[in-house]
Amino acid sequence: MIGGLSKIAGLTLSVGPPASVWPLSLGAYYAFLPEAMAQGAAPTLGQHAFVLSMTLCELGLPLMVVAGLGGRISAALLIVQVWMASLVTGQLMAAGNLFDASPFDAGPDRVVLWTLVLLPVAVEGAGPISIDGVLARLRHRRGPVW
């Protein structure tokens, strides 16, 4: 959540100045498009859309997983977002071994950790006290809609 808030321009947590008319800071572009920003090229429309969608996923999906609103879909999309961000930034391929003692190459460790944490929610659902669980119980009590 804090990672997503740090990418929105104008907030106290934002990293860098606003980037054009989009509500994103330069930190968002450096986080998701490091090679393009290192070259000094202006981001294309597709890159703008990619950074905006990744930032919105980083903001909204964790809240949905914690609340249990669309838990399976939200957890699966969050797993995809973590893998996409790691592949695009090169953290997954350029890093060292999995679970080694080095604190400088935590990219693959972070991806595997979040995948293992979110996989049970994606497979089993958010549980009985989630919003999905409450809605399912209400729907079950009323019977079929038709």
C-alpha atoms as a PDB file:
ATOM      1  CA  MET A   1       0.000   0.000   0.000  1.00  0.00           C
ATOM      2  CA  ILE A   2       2.782   2.423   0.912  1.00  0.00           C
ATOM      3  CA  GLY A   3       4.615   1.421  -2.257  1.00  0.00           C
ATOM      4  CA  GLY A   4       1.584   2.400  -4.321  1.00  0.00           C
ATOM      5  CA  LEU A   5       1.071   5.665  -2.444  1.00  0.00           C
ATOM      6  CA  SER A   6       4.694   6.606  -3.053  1.00  0.00           C
ATOM      7  CA  LYS A   7       3.995   6.573  -6.788  1.00  0.00           C
ATOM      8  CA  ILE A   8       1.089   9.069  -6.741  1.00  0.00           C
ATOM      9  CA  ALA A   9       2.218  12.627  -7.385  1.00  0.00           C
ATOM     10  CA  GLY A  10       1.366  15.306  -4.852  1.00  0.00           C
ATOM     11  CA  LEU A  11       1.127  13.048  -1.811  1.00  0.00           C
ATOM     12  CA  THR A  12       3.542  13.428   1.091  1.00  0.00           C
ATOM     13  CA  LEU A  13       4.867   9.932   0.377  1.00  0.00           C
ATOM     14  CA  SER A  14       5.497  10.573  -3.337  1.00  0.00           C
ATOM     15  CA  VAL A  15       8.962  10.048  -4.712  1.00  0.00           C
ATOM     16  CA  GLY A  16       9.861  12.748  -7.216  1.00  0.00           C
ATOM     17  CA  PRO A  17       7.896  15.460  -8.982  1.00  0.00           C
ATOM     18  CA  PRO A  18       4.742  14.837 -11.020  1.00  0.00           C
ATOM     19  CA  ALA A  19       5.267  13.357 -14.467  1.00  0.00           C
ATOM     20  CA  SER A  20       3.208  15.219 -17.113  1.00  0.00           C
ATOM     21  CA  VAL A  21      -0.587  15.214 -16.819  1.00  0.00           C
ATOM     22  CA  TRP A  22      -0.766  11.719 -15.336  1.00  0.00           C
ATOM     23  CA  PRO A  23      -1.291  11.524 -11.559  1.00  0.00           C
ATOM     24  CA  LEU A  24       2.009   9.677 -11.148  1.00  0.00           C
ATOM     25  CA  SER A  25       5.377  10.763  -9.819  1.00  0.00           C
ATOM     26  CA  LEU A  26       8.670  10.134 -11.565  1.00  0.00           C
ATOM     27  CA  GLY A  27       9.334   7.496  -8.920  1.00  0.00           C
ATOM     28  CA  ALA A  28       6.599   5.337 -10.449  1.00  0.00           C
ATOM     29  CA  TYR A  29       8.302   5.446 -13.835  1.00  0.00           C
ATOM     30  CA  TYR A  30      11.701   4.692 -12.299  1.00  0.00           C
ATOM     31  CA  ALA A  31      10.167   1.784 -10.365  1.00  0.00           C
ATOM     32  CA  PHE A  32       8.448   0.104 -13.318  1.00  0.00           C
ATOM     33  CA  LEU A  33      10.490   1.302 -16.330  1.00  0.00           C
ATOM     34  CA  PRO A  34      14.091   1.642 -15.120  1.00  0.00           C
ATOM     35  CA  GLU A  35      15.757   1.082 -18.514  1.00  0.00           C
ATOM     36  CA  ALA A  36      13.516   3.553 -20.347  1.00  0.00           C
ATOM     37  CA  MET A  37      14.069   6.204 -17.682  1.00  0.00           C
ATOM     38  CA  ALA A  38      17.831   5.588 -17.662  1.00  0.00           C
ATOM     39  CA  GLN A  39      17.928   6.313 -21.401  1.00  0.00           C
ATOM     40  CA  GLY A  40      16.175   9.617 -20.824  1.00  0.00           C
ATOM     41  CA  ALA A  41      13.475   8.847 -23.377  1.00  0.00           C
ATOM     42  CA  ALA A  42       9.969  10.158 -22.888  1.00  0.00           C
ATOM     43  CA  PRO A  43       7.566   7.331 -21.992  1.00  0.00           C
ATOM     44  CA  THR A  44       5.168   6.286 -24.720  1.00  0.00           C
ATOM     45  CA  LEU A  45       1.409   6.085 -24.253  1.00  0.00           C
ATOM     46  CA  GLY A  46       1.658   2.331 -23.705  1.00  0.00           C
ATOM     47  CA  GLN A  47       4.310   2.836 -21.041  1.00  0.00           C
ATOM     48  CA  HIS A  48       2.134   5.458 -19.333  1.00  0.00           C
ATOM     49  CA  ALA A  49      -0.789   3.011 -19.322  1.00  0.00           C
ATOM     50  CA  PHE A  50       1.446   0.212 -18.004  1.00  0.00           C
ATOM     51  CA  VAL A  51       2.784   2.310 -15.115  1.00  0.00           C
ATOM     52  CA  LEU A  52      -0.707   3.580 -14.258  1.00  0.00           C
ATOM     53  CA  SER A  53      -2.199   0.073 -14.286  1.00  0.00           C
ATOM     54  CA  MET A  54       0.647  -1.342 -12.175  1.00  0.00           C
ATOM     55  CA  THR A  55       0.254   1.498  -9.662  1.00  0.00           C
ATOM     56  CA  LEU A  56      -3.521   1.031  -9.458  1.00  0.00           C
ATOM     57  CA  CYS A  57      -3.020  -2.711  -8.953  1.00  0.00           C
ATOM     58  CA  GLU A  58      -0.499  -1.981  -6.209  1.00  0.00           C
ATOM     59  CA  LEU A  59      -3.005   0.311  -4.500  1.00  0.00           C
ATOM     60  CA  GLY A  60      -6.309  -1.513  -4.894  1.00  0.00           C
ATOM     61  CA  LEU A  61      -5.603  -5.230  -4.965  1.00  0.00           C
ATOM     62  CA  PRO A  62      -4.012  -5.523  -1.491  1.00  0.00           C
ATOM     63  CA  LEU A  63      -7.034  -3.777   0.021  1.00  0.00           C
ATOM     64  CA  MET A  64      -9.359  -6.154  -1.795  1.00  0.00           C
ATOM     65  CA  VAL A  65      -7.366  -9.202  -0.631  1.00  0.00           C
ATOM     66  CA  VAL A  66      -7.371  -8.042   2.998  1.00  0.00           C
ATOM     67  CA  ALA A  67     -11.097  -7.238   2.923  1.00  0.00           C
ATOM     68  CA  GLY A  68     -11.882 -10.445   1.086  1.00  0.00           C
ATOM     69  CA  LEU A  69     -13.710  -8.712  -1.744  1.00  0.00           C
ATOM     70  CA  GLY A  70     -13.114 -10.822  -4.827  1.00  0.00           C
ATOM     71  CA  GLY A  71     -10.378 -12.565  -2.860  1.00  0.00           C
ATOM     72  CA  ARG A  72      -9.477 -15.254  -5.381  1.00  0.00           C
ATOM     73  CA  ILE A  73      -9.357 -12.947  -8.363  1.00  0.00           C
ATOM     74  CA  SER A  74      -7.600 -10.190  -6.406  1.00  0.00           C
ATOM     75  CA  ALA A  75      -4.947 -12.561  -5.080  1.00  0.00           C
ATOM     76  CA  ALA A  76      -4.351 -14.046  -8.530  1.00  0.00           C
ATOM     77  CA  LEU A  77      -4.052 -10.581 -10.088  1.00  0.00           C
ATOM     78  CA  LEU A  78      -1.682  -9.488  -7.324  1.00  0.00           C
ATOM     79  CA  ILE A  79       0.527 -12.524  -8.001  1.00  0.00           C
ATOM     80  CA  VAL A  80       0.573 -11.594 -11.695  1.00  0.00           C
ATOM     81  CA  GLN A  81       1.384  -7.968 -10.793  1.00  0.00           C
ATOM     82  CA  VAL A  82       4.336  -8.990  -8.605  1.00  0.00           C
ATOM     83  CA  TRP A  83       5.738 -11.260 -11.322  1.00  0.00           C
ATOM     84  CA  MET A  84       5.202  -8.636 -14.063  1.00  0.00           C
ATOM     85  CA  ALA A  85       6.871  -5.891 -12.043  1.00  0.00           C
ATOM     86  CA  SER A  86       9.844  -8.127 -11.287  1.00  0.00           C
ATOM     87  CA  LEU A  87      10.226  -9.285 -14.881  1.00  0.00           C
ATOM     88  CA  VAL A  88       9.930  -5.798 -16.374  1.00  0.00           C
ATOM     89  CA  THR A  89      12.376  -4.206 -13.940  1.00  0.00           C
ATOM     90  CA  GLY A  90      14.887  -7.027 -14.337  1.00  0.00           C
ATOM     91  CA  GLN A  91      14.976  -7.823 -10.624  1.00  0.00           C
ATOM     92  CA  LEU A  92      14.034 -11.424 -11.249  1.00  0.00           C
ATOM     93  CA  MET A  93      16.662 -12.301 -13.841  1.00  0.00           C
ATOM     94  CA  ALA A  94      19.625 -10.177 -12.754  1.00  0.00           C
ATOM     95  CA  ALA A  95      19.519 -11.171  -9.104  1.00  0.00           C
ATOM     96  CA  GLY A  96      21.383 -13.906  -7.268  1.00  0.00           C
ATOM     97  CA  ASN A  97      20.240 -17.212  -5.867  1.00  0.00           C
ATOM     98  CA  LEU A  98      16.981 -17.842  -4.095  1.00  0.00           C
ATOM     99  CA  PHE A  99      17.036 -17.466  -0.321  1.00  0.00           C
ATOM    100  CA  ASP A 100      20.737 -16.725  -0.029  1.00  0.00           C
ATOM    101  CA  ALA A 101      22.152 -14.591   2.758  1.00  0.00           C
ATOM    102  CA  SER A 102      22.740 -11.505   0.592  1.00  0.00           C
ATOM    103  CA  PRO A 103      20.361  -8.622   1.325  1.00  0.00           C
ATOM    104  CA  PHE A 104      21.226  -6.962  -2.001  1.00  0.00           C
ATOM    105  CA  ASP A 105      19.358  -9.324  -4.316  1.00  0.00           C
ATOM    106  CA  ALA A 106      15.977  -9.736  -2.693  1.00  0.00           C
ATOM    107  CA  GLY A 107      14.073  -9.651  -6.014  1.00  0.00           C
ATOM    108  CA  PRO A 108      13.510 -13.389  -6.516  1.00  0.00           C
ATOM    109  CA  ASP A 109      13.019 -13.928  -2.783  1.00  0.00           C
ATOM    110  CA  ARG A 110      10.302 -11.267  -2.681  1.00  0.00           C
ATOM    111  CA  VAL A 111       8.486 -12.706  -5.695  1.00  0.00           C
ATOM    112  CA  VAL A 112       8.486 -16.238  -4.290  1.00  0.00           C
ATOM    113  CA  LEU A 113       7.443 -14.984  -0.849  1.00  0.00           C
ATOM    114  CA  TRP A 114       4.442 -13.037  -2.152  1.00  0.00           C
ATOM    115  CA  THR A 115       3.465 -15.888  -4.456  1.00  0.00           C
ATOM    116  CA  LEU A 116       3.487 -18.359  -1.557  1.00  0.00           C
ATOM    117  CA  VAL A 117       1.567 -15.961   0.704  1.00  0.00           C
ATOM    118  CA  LEU A 118      -1.133 -15.185  -1.871  1.00  0.00           C
ATOM    119  CA  LEU A 119      -1.467 -18.631  -3.460  1.00  0.00           C
ATOM    120  CA  PRO A 120      -3.704 -20.102  -0.704  1.00  0.00           C
ATOM    121  CA  VAL A 121      -6.061 -17.130  -1.020  1.00  0.00           C
ATOM    122  CA  ALA A 122      -6.109 -17.513  -4.814  1.00  0.00           C
ATOM    123  CA  VAL A 123      -6.873 -21.246  -4.555  1.00  0.00           C
ATOM    124  CA  GLU A 124      -9.105 -21.518  -1.479  1.00  0.00           C
ATOM    125  CA  GLY A 125     -10.666 -18.066  -1.249  1.00  0.00           C
ATOM    126  CA  ALA A 126     -10.545 -15.442   1.462  1.00  0.00           C
ATOM    127  CA  GLY A 127     -12.420 -17.404   4.131  1.00  0.00           C
ATOM    128  CA  PRO A 128     -15.722 -17.262   6.000  1.00  0.00           C
ATOM    129  CA  ILE A 129     -15.256 -13.846   7.632  1.00  0.00           C
ATOM    130  CA  SER A 130     -14.447 -12.083   4.372  1.00  0.00           C
ATOM    131  CA  ILE A 131     -16.898  -9.972   2.396  1.00  0.00           C
ATOM    132  CA  ASP A 132     -17.151 -12.801  -0.142  1.00  0.00           C
ATOM    133  CA  GLY A 133     -17.962 -15.278   2.642  1.00  0.00           C
ATOM    134  CA  VAL A 134     -20.670 -13.058   4.104  1.00  0.00           C
ATOM    135  CA  LEU A 135     -22.224 -12.483   0.675  1.00  0.00           C
ATOM    136  CA  ALA A 136     -22.144 -16.226  -0.067  1.00  0.00           C
ATOM    137  CA  ARG A 137     -23.933 -17.009   3.214  1.00  0.00           C
ATOM    138  CA  LEU A 138     -26.589 -14.369   2.498  1.00  0.00           C
ATOM    139  CA  ARG A 139     -27.088 -15.715  -1.006  1.00  0.00           C
ATOM    140  CA  HIS A 140     -27.330 -19.283   0.327  1.00  0.00           C
ATOM    141  CA  ARG A 141     -30.032 -18.320   2.862  1.00  0.00           C
ATOM    142  CA  ARG A 142     -32.230 -16.642   0.275  1.00  0.00           C
ATOM    143  CA  GLY A 143     -32.052 -19.471  -2.216  1.00  0.00           C
ATOM    144  CA  PRO A 144     -31.882 -19.144  -5.978  1.00  0.00           C
ATOM    145  CA  VAL A 145     -32.445 -15.731  -7.489  1.00  0.00           C
ATOM    146  CA  TRP A 146     -34.726 -16.887 -10.273  1.00  0.00           C
END
